[in-house]
PDB file of N, CA and C in Angstrom:
ATOM      1  N   MET A   1     142.936 180.159 164.339  1.00  0.00           N
ATOM      2  CA  MET A   1     143.664 179.893 163.116  1.00  0.00           C
ATOM      3  C   MET A   1     143.566 178.401 162.803  1.00  0.00           C
ATOM      4  N   ASP A   2     143.156 178.077 161.607  1.00  0.00           N
ATOM      5  CA  ASP A   2     143.037 176.688 161.178  1.00  0.00           C
ATOM      6  C   ASP A   2     144.370 176.226 160.596  1.00  0.00           C
ATOM      7  N   LEU A   3     145.055 175.355 161.309  1.00  0.00           N
ATOM      8  CA  LEU A   3     146.368 174.866 160.868  1.00  0.00           C
ATOM      9  C   LEU A   3     146.291 173.582 160.050  1.00  0.00           C
ATOM     10  N   ARG A   4     145.081 173.074 159.858  1.00  0.00           N
ATOM     11  CA  ARG A   4     144.942 171.823 159.117  1.00  0.00           C
ATOM     12  C   ARG A   4     145.530 171.906 157.699  1.00  0.00           C
ATOM     13  N   PRO A   5     145.264 172.970 156.928  1.00  0.00           N
ATOM     14  CA  PRO A   5     145.852 173.039 155.583  1.00  0.00           C
ATOM     15  C   PRO A   5     147.388 173.008 155.613  1.00  0.00           C
ATOM     16  N   LEU A   6     147.968 173.676 156.590  1.00  0.00           N
ATOM     17  CA  LEU A   6     149.428 173.661 156.705  1.00  0.00           C
ATOM     18  C   LEU A   6     149.927 172.262 157.043  1.00  0.00           C
ATOM     19  N   ALA A   7     149.276 171.608 157.990  1.00  0.00           N
ATOM     20  CA  ALA A   7     149.668 170.244 158.361  1.00  0.00           C
ATOM     21  C   ALA A   7     149.553 169.303 157.167  1.00  0.00           C
ATOM     22  N   GLU A   8     148.469 169.437 156.397  1.00  0.00           N
ATOM     23  CA  GLU A   8     148.298 168.604 155.210  1.00  0.00           C
ATOM     24  C   GLU A   8     149.397 168.867 154.188  1.00  0.00           C
ATOM     25  N   GLN A   9     149.784 170.132 154.037  1.00  0.00           N
ATOM     26  CA  GLN A   9     150.851 170.490 153.106  1.00  0.00           C
ATOM     27  C   GLN A   9     152.179 169.866 153.553  1.00  0.00           C
ATOM     28  N   ILE A  10     152.460 169.930 154.840  1.00  0.00           N
ATOM     29  CA  ILE A  10     153.712 169.368 155.358  1.00  0.00           C
ATOM     30  C   ILE A  10     153.725 167.857 155.178  1.00  0.00           C
ATOM     31  N   PHE A  11     152.656 167.191 155.581  1.00  0.00           N
ATOM     32  CA  PHE A  11     152.620 165.734 155.451  1.00  0.00           C
ATOM     33  C   PHE A  11     152.667 165.297 153.987  1.00  0.00           C
ATOM     34  N   SER A  12     152.013 166.043 153.123  1.00  0.00           N
ATOM     35  CA  SER A  12     152.063 165.719 151.687  1.00  0.00           C
ATOM     36  C   SER A  12     153.477 165.888 151.136  1.00  0.00           C
ATOM     37  N   GLY A  13     154.166 166.943 151.569  1.00  0.00           N
ATOM     38  CA  GLY A  13     155.538 167.159 151.128  1.00  0.00           C
ATOM     39  C   GLY A  13     156.466 166.042 151.569  1.00  0.00           C
ATOM     40  N   VAL A  14     156.331 165.632 152.824  1.00  0.00           N
ATOM     41  CA  VAL A  14     157.149 164.529 153.340  1.00  0.00           C
ATOM     42  C   VAL A  14     156.825 163.242 152.578  1.00  0.00           C
ATOM     43  N   LEU A  15     155.558 162.987 152.334  1.00  0.00           N
ATOM     44  CA  LEU A  15     155.156 161.801 151.593  1.00  0.00           C
ATOM     45  C   LEU A  15     155.734 161.812 150.178  1.00  0.00           C
ATOM     46  N   GLU A  16     155.685 162.957 149.527  1.00  0.00           N
ATOM     47  CA  GLU A  16     156.203 163.068 148.163  1.00  0.00           C
ATOM     48  C   GLU A  16     157.700 162.760 148.114  1.00  0.00           C
ATOM     49  N   ILE A  17     158.432 163.218 149.103  1.00  0.00           N
ATOM     50  CA  ILE A  17     159.876 163.013 149.123  1.00  0.00           C
ATOM     51  C   ILE A  17     160.241 161.583 149.502  1.00  0.00           C
ATOM     52  N   SER A  18     159.498 160.985 150.419  1.00  0.00           N
ATOM     53  CA  SER A  18     159.941 159.715 150.998  1.00  0.00           C
ATOM     54  C   SER A  18     158.948 158.566 150.846  1.00  0.00           C
ATOM     55  N   ARG A  19     158.131 158.626 149.831  1.00  0.00           N
ATOM     56  CA  ARG A  19     157.142 157.562 149.608  1.00  0.00           C
ATOM     57  C   ARG A  19     157.841 156.219 149.429  1.00  0.00           C
ATOM     58  N   ASP A  20     157.292 155.213 150.087  1.00  0.00           N
ATOM     59  CA  ASP A  20     157.840 153.853 150.000  1.00  0.00           C
ATOM     60  C   ASP A  20     156.671 152.876 150.000  1.00  0.00           C
ATOM     61  N   GLY A  21     156.123 152.622 148.854  1.00  0.00           N
ATOM     62  CA  GLY A  21     154.959 151.739 148.769  1.00  0.00           C
ATOM     63  C   GLY A  21     153.734 152.433 149.325  1.00  0.00           C
ATOM     64  N   LYS A  22     153.174 151.898 150.402  1.00  0.00           N
ATOM     65  CA  LYS A  22     151.960 152.462 150.982  1.00  0.00           C
ATOM     66  C   LYS A  22     152.231 153.513 152.041  1.00  0.00           C
ATOM     67  N   GLY A  23     153.467 153.690 152.438  1.00  0.00           N
ATOM     68  CA  GLY A  23     153.785 154.649 153.500  1.00  0.00           C
ATOM     69  C   GLY A  23     155.016 155.448 153.154  1.00  0.00           C
ATOM     70  N   VAL A  24     155.735 155.846 154.188  1.00  0.00           N
ATOM     71  CA  VAL A  24     156.981 156.578 153.996  1.00  0.00           C
ATOM     72  C   VAL A  24     158.098 155.853 154.735  1.00  0.00           C
ATOM     73  N   SER A  25     159.300 156.011 154.225  1.00  0.00           N
ATOM     74  CA  SER A  25     160.450 155.361 154.830  1.00  0.00           C
ATOM     75  C   SER A  25     161.679 156.206 154.563  1.00  0.00           C
ATOM     76  N   ARG A  26     162.468 156.411 155.605  1.00  0.00           N
ATOM     77  CA  ARG A  26     163.700 157.186 155.445  1.00  0.00           C
ATOM     78  C   ARG A  26     164.804 156.483 156.208  1.00  0.00           C
ATOM     79  N   SER A  27     165.794 156.002 155.497  1.00  0.00           N
ATOM     80  CA  SER A  27     166.951 155.406 156.158  1.00  0.00           C
ATOM     81  C   SER A  27     167.710 156.509 156.881  1.00  0.00           C
ATOM     82  N   ALA A  28     168.142 156.212 158.078  1.00  0.00           N
ATOM     83  CA  ALA A  28     168.886 157.202 158.854  1.00  0.00           C
ATOM     84  C   ALA A  28     170.139 157.636 158.106  1.00  0.00           C
ATOM     85  N   TYR A  29     170.366 158.928 158.113  1.00  0.00           N
ATOM     86  CA  TYR A  29     171.559 159.537 157.511  1.00  0.00           C
ATOM     87  C   TYR A  29     171.616 159.373 155.994  1.00  0.00           C
ATOM     88  N   GLY A  30     170.515 159.026 155.364  1.00  0.00           N
ATOM     89  CA  GLY A  30     170.487 158.850 153.925  1.00  0.00           C
ATOM     90  C   GLY A  30     170.052 160.104 153.193  1.00  0.00           C
ATOM     91  N   ASP A  31     170.109 160.034 151.868  1.00  0.00           N
ATOM     92  CA  ASP A  31     169.737 161.169 151.021  1.00  0.00           C
ATOM     93  C   ASP A  31     168.285 161.586 151.225  1.00  0.00           C
ATOM     94  N   ILE A  32     167.403 160.613 151.356  1.00  0.00           N
ATOM     95  CA  ILE A  32     165.979 160.939 151.509  1.00  0.00           C
ATOM     96  C   ILE A  32     165.737 161.637 152.845  1.00  0.00           C
ATOM     97  N   GLU A  33     166.367 161.142 153.913  1.00  0.00           N
ATOM     98  CA  GLU A  33     166.209 161.804 155.211  1.00  0.00           C
ATOM     99  C   GLU A  33     166.711 163.249 155.137  1.00  0.00           C
ATOM    100  N   THR A  34     167.834 163.446 154.473  1.00  0.00           N
ATOM    101  CA  THR A  34     168.391 164.796 154.322  1.00  0.00           C
ATOM    102  C   THR A  34     167.421 165.698 153.575  1.00  0.00           C
ATOM    103  N   ARG A  35     166.818 165.197 152.496  1.00  0.00           N
ATOM    104  CA  ARG A  35     165.866 165.997 151.725  1.00  0.00           C
ATOM    105  C   ARG A  35     164.627 166.336 152.547  1.00  0.00           C
ATOM    106  N   VAL A  36     164.139 165.401 153.348  1.00  0.00           N
ATOM    107  CA  VAL A  36     162.972 165.664 154.198  1.00  0.00           C
ATOM    108  C   VAL A  36     163.308 166.733 155.235  1.00  0.00           C
ATOM    109  N   ILE A  37     164.472 166.617 155.862  1.00  0.00           N
ATOM    110  CA  ILE A  37     164.868 167.614 156.857  1.00  0.00           C
ATOM    111  C   ILE A  37     164.995 168.988 156.216  1.00  0.00           C
ATOM    112  N   GLU A  38     165.588 169.059 155.035  1.00  0.00           N
ATOM    113  CA  GLU A  38     165.707 170.347 154.337  1.00  0.00           C
ATOM    114  C   GLU A  38     164.333 170.925 154.021  1.00  0.00           C
ATOM    115  N   PHE A  39     163.396 170.079 153.595  1.00  0.00           N
ATOM    116  CA  PHE A  39     162.023 170.524 153.322  1.00  0.00           C
ATOM    117  C   PHE A  39     161.386 171.088 154.594  1.00  0.00           C
ATOM    118  N   LEU A  40     161.555 170.388 155.720  1.00  0.00           N
ATOM    119  CA  LEU A  40     160.971 170.848 156.974  1.00  0.00           C
ATOM    120  C   LEU A  40     161.607 172.155 157.436  1.00  0.00           C
ATOM    121  N   GLU A  41     162.925 172.285 157.270  1.00  0.00           N
ATOM    122  CA  GLU A  41     163.598 173.526 157.641  1.00  0.00           C
ATOM    123  C   GLU A  41     163.111 174.698 156.781  1.00  0.00           C
ATOM    124  N   GLU A  42     162.980 174.474 155.479  1.00  0.00           N
ATOM    125  CA  GLU A  42     162.489 175.531 154.584  1.00  0.00           C
ATOM    126  C   GLU A  42     161.072 175.940 154.968  1.00  0.00           C
ATOM    127  N   THR A  43     160.240 174.960 155.262  1.00  0.00           N
ATOM    128  CA  THR A  43     158.859 175.247 155.669  1.00  0.00           C
ATOM    129  C   THR A  43     158.844 176.041 156.970  1.00  0.00           C
ATOM    130  N   ALA A  44     159.661 175.647 157.917  1.00  0.00           N
ATOM    131  CA  ALA A  44     159.724 176.356 159.199  1.00  0.00           C
ATOM    132  C   ALA A  44     160.143 177.808 159.002  1.00  0.00           C
ATOM    133  N   ARG A  45     161.141 178.047 158.169  1.00  0.00           N
ATOM    134  CA  ARG A  45     161.615 179.417 157.941  1.00  0.00           C
ATOM    135  C   ARG A  45     160.538 180.284 157.288  1.00  0.00           C
ATOM    136  N   ARG A  46     159.707 179.684 156.436  1.00  0.00           N
ATOM    137  CA  ARG A  46     158.616 180.447 155.821  1.00  0.00           C
ATOM    138  C   ARG A  46     157.662 180.996 156.876  1.00  0.00           C
ATOM    139  N   PHE A  47     157.597 180.328 158.021  1.00  0.00           N
ATOM    140  CA  PHE A  47     156.708 180.747 159.096  1.00  0.00           C
ATOM    141  C   PHE A  47     157.488 181.371 160.251  1.00  0.00           C
ATOM    142  N   ASN A  48     158.672 181.885 159.931  1.00  0.00           N
ATOM    143  CA  ASN A  48     159.512 182.602 160.895  1.00  0.00           C
ATOM    144  C   ASN A  48     159.900 181.772 162.110  1.00  0.00           C
ATOM    145  N   LEU A  49     160.072 180.481 161.924  1.00  0.00           N
ATOM    146  CA  LEU A  49     160.613 179.640 162.981  1.00  0.00           C
ATOM    147  C   LEU A  49     162.128 179.592 162.825  1.00  0.00           C
ATOM    148  N   HIS A  50     162.810 179.526 163.920  1.00  0.00           N
ATOM    149  CA  HIS A  50     164.266 179.431 163.924  1.00  0.00           C
ATOM    150  C   HIS A  50     164.644 177.956 163.943  1.00  0.00           C
ATOM    151  N   THR A  51     165.593 177.557 163.125  1.00  0.00           N
ATOM    152  CA  THR A  51     166.082 176.184 163.140  1.00  0.00           C
ATOM    153  C   THR A  51     167.588 176.198 163.330  1.00  0.00           C
ATOM    154  N   TYR A  52     168.065 175.187 164.020  1.00  0.00           N
ATOM    155  CA  TYR A  52     169.510 175.012 164.160  1.00  0.00           C
ATOM    156  C   TYR A  52     169.796 173.547 164.449  1.00  0.00           C
ATOM    157  N   ARG A  53     171.052 173.184 164.333  1.00  0.00           N
ATOM    158  CA  ARG A  53     171.487 171.821 164.620  1.00  0.00           C
ATOM    159  C   ARG A  53     172.203 171.803 165.961  1.00  0.00           C
ATOM    160  N   ASP A  54     171.836 170.843 166.788  1.00  0.00           N
ATOM    161  CA  ASP A  54     172.508 170.723 168.075  1.00  0.00           C
ATOM    162  C   ASP A  54     173.817 169.944 167.908  1.00  0.00           C
ATOM    163  N   ALA A  55     174.472 169.654 169.015  1.00  0.00           N
ATOM    164  CA  ALA A  55     175.772 168.982 168.972  1.00  0.00           C
ATOM    165  C   ALA A  55     175.710 167.600 168.329  1.00  0.00           C
ATOM    166  N   ALA A  56     174.555 166.964 168.386  1.00  0.00           N
ATOM    167  CA  ALA A  56     174.385 165.637 167.793  1.00  0.00           C
ATOM    168  C   ALA A  56     173.816 165.705 166.369  1.00  0.00           C
ATOM    169  N   GLU A  57     173.725 166.938 165.821  1.00  0.00           N
ATOM    170  CA  GLU A  57     173.209 167.181 164.478  1.00  0.00           C
ATOM    171  C   GLU A  57     171.700 166.963 164.349  1.00  0.00           C
ATOM    172  N   ASN A  58     170.982 166.951 165.481  1.00  0.00           N
ATOM    173  CA  ASN A  58     169.523 166.946 165.425  1.00  0.00           C
ATOM    174  C   ASN A  58     169.068 168.340 165.035  1.00  0.00           C
ATOM    175  N   VAL A  59     168.003 168.432 164.254  1.00  0.00           N
ATOM    176  CA  VAL A  59     167.466 169.731 163.892  1.00  0.00           C
ATOM    177  C   VAL A  59     166.449 170.137 164.950  1.00  0.00           C
ATOM    178  N   VAL A  60     166.627 171.350 165.459  1.00  0.00           N
ATOM    179  CA  VAL A  60     165.739 171.900 166.482  1.00  0.00           C
ATOM    180  C   VAL A  60     164.956 173.047 165.847  1.00  0.00           C
ATOM    181  N   PHE A  61     163.656 173.074 166.066  1.00  0.00           N
ATOM    182  CA  PHE A  61     162.777 174.117 165.556  1.00  0.00           C
ATOM    183  C   PHE A  61     162.287 174.932 166.750  1.00  0.00           C
ATOM    184  N   GLU A  62     162.397 176.260 166.658  1.00  0.00           N
ATOM    185  CA  GLU A  62     161.979 177.132 167.753  1.00  0.00           C
ATOM    186  C   GLU A  62     161.203 178.331 167.220  1.00  0.00           C
ATOM    187  N   LEU A  63     160.303 178.824 168.065  1.00  0.00           N
ATOM    188  CA  LEU A  63     159.652 180.104 167.767  1.00  0.00           C
ATOM    189  C   LEU A  63     160.674 181.203 167.975  1.00  0.00           C
ATOM    190  N   ASN A  64     160.617 182.223 167.126  1.00  0.00           N
ATOM    191  CA  ASN A  64     161.526 183.369 167.305  1.00  0.00           C
ATOM    192  C   ASN A  64     161.070 184.219 168.448  1.00  0.00           C
TER     193      ASN A  64
END
């Protein structure tokens, strides 16, 4: 299975949300970081990955 197109889609999505000049930047606990995490969670669910938040509010991605 060629995962390159999926990886490119994910990186492009993150770049679109958090572009900062020539790269990407997300202030911790800010709106942009929240939007990126939501994008990653939505993408994970499309591929039947389980996501949850641990006690420290880190997002964990797991295979079902």
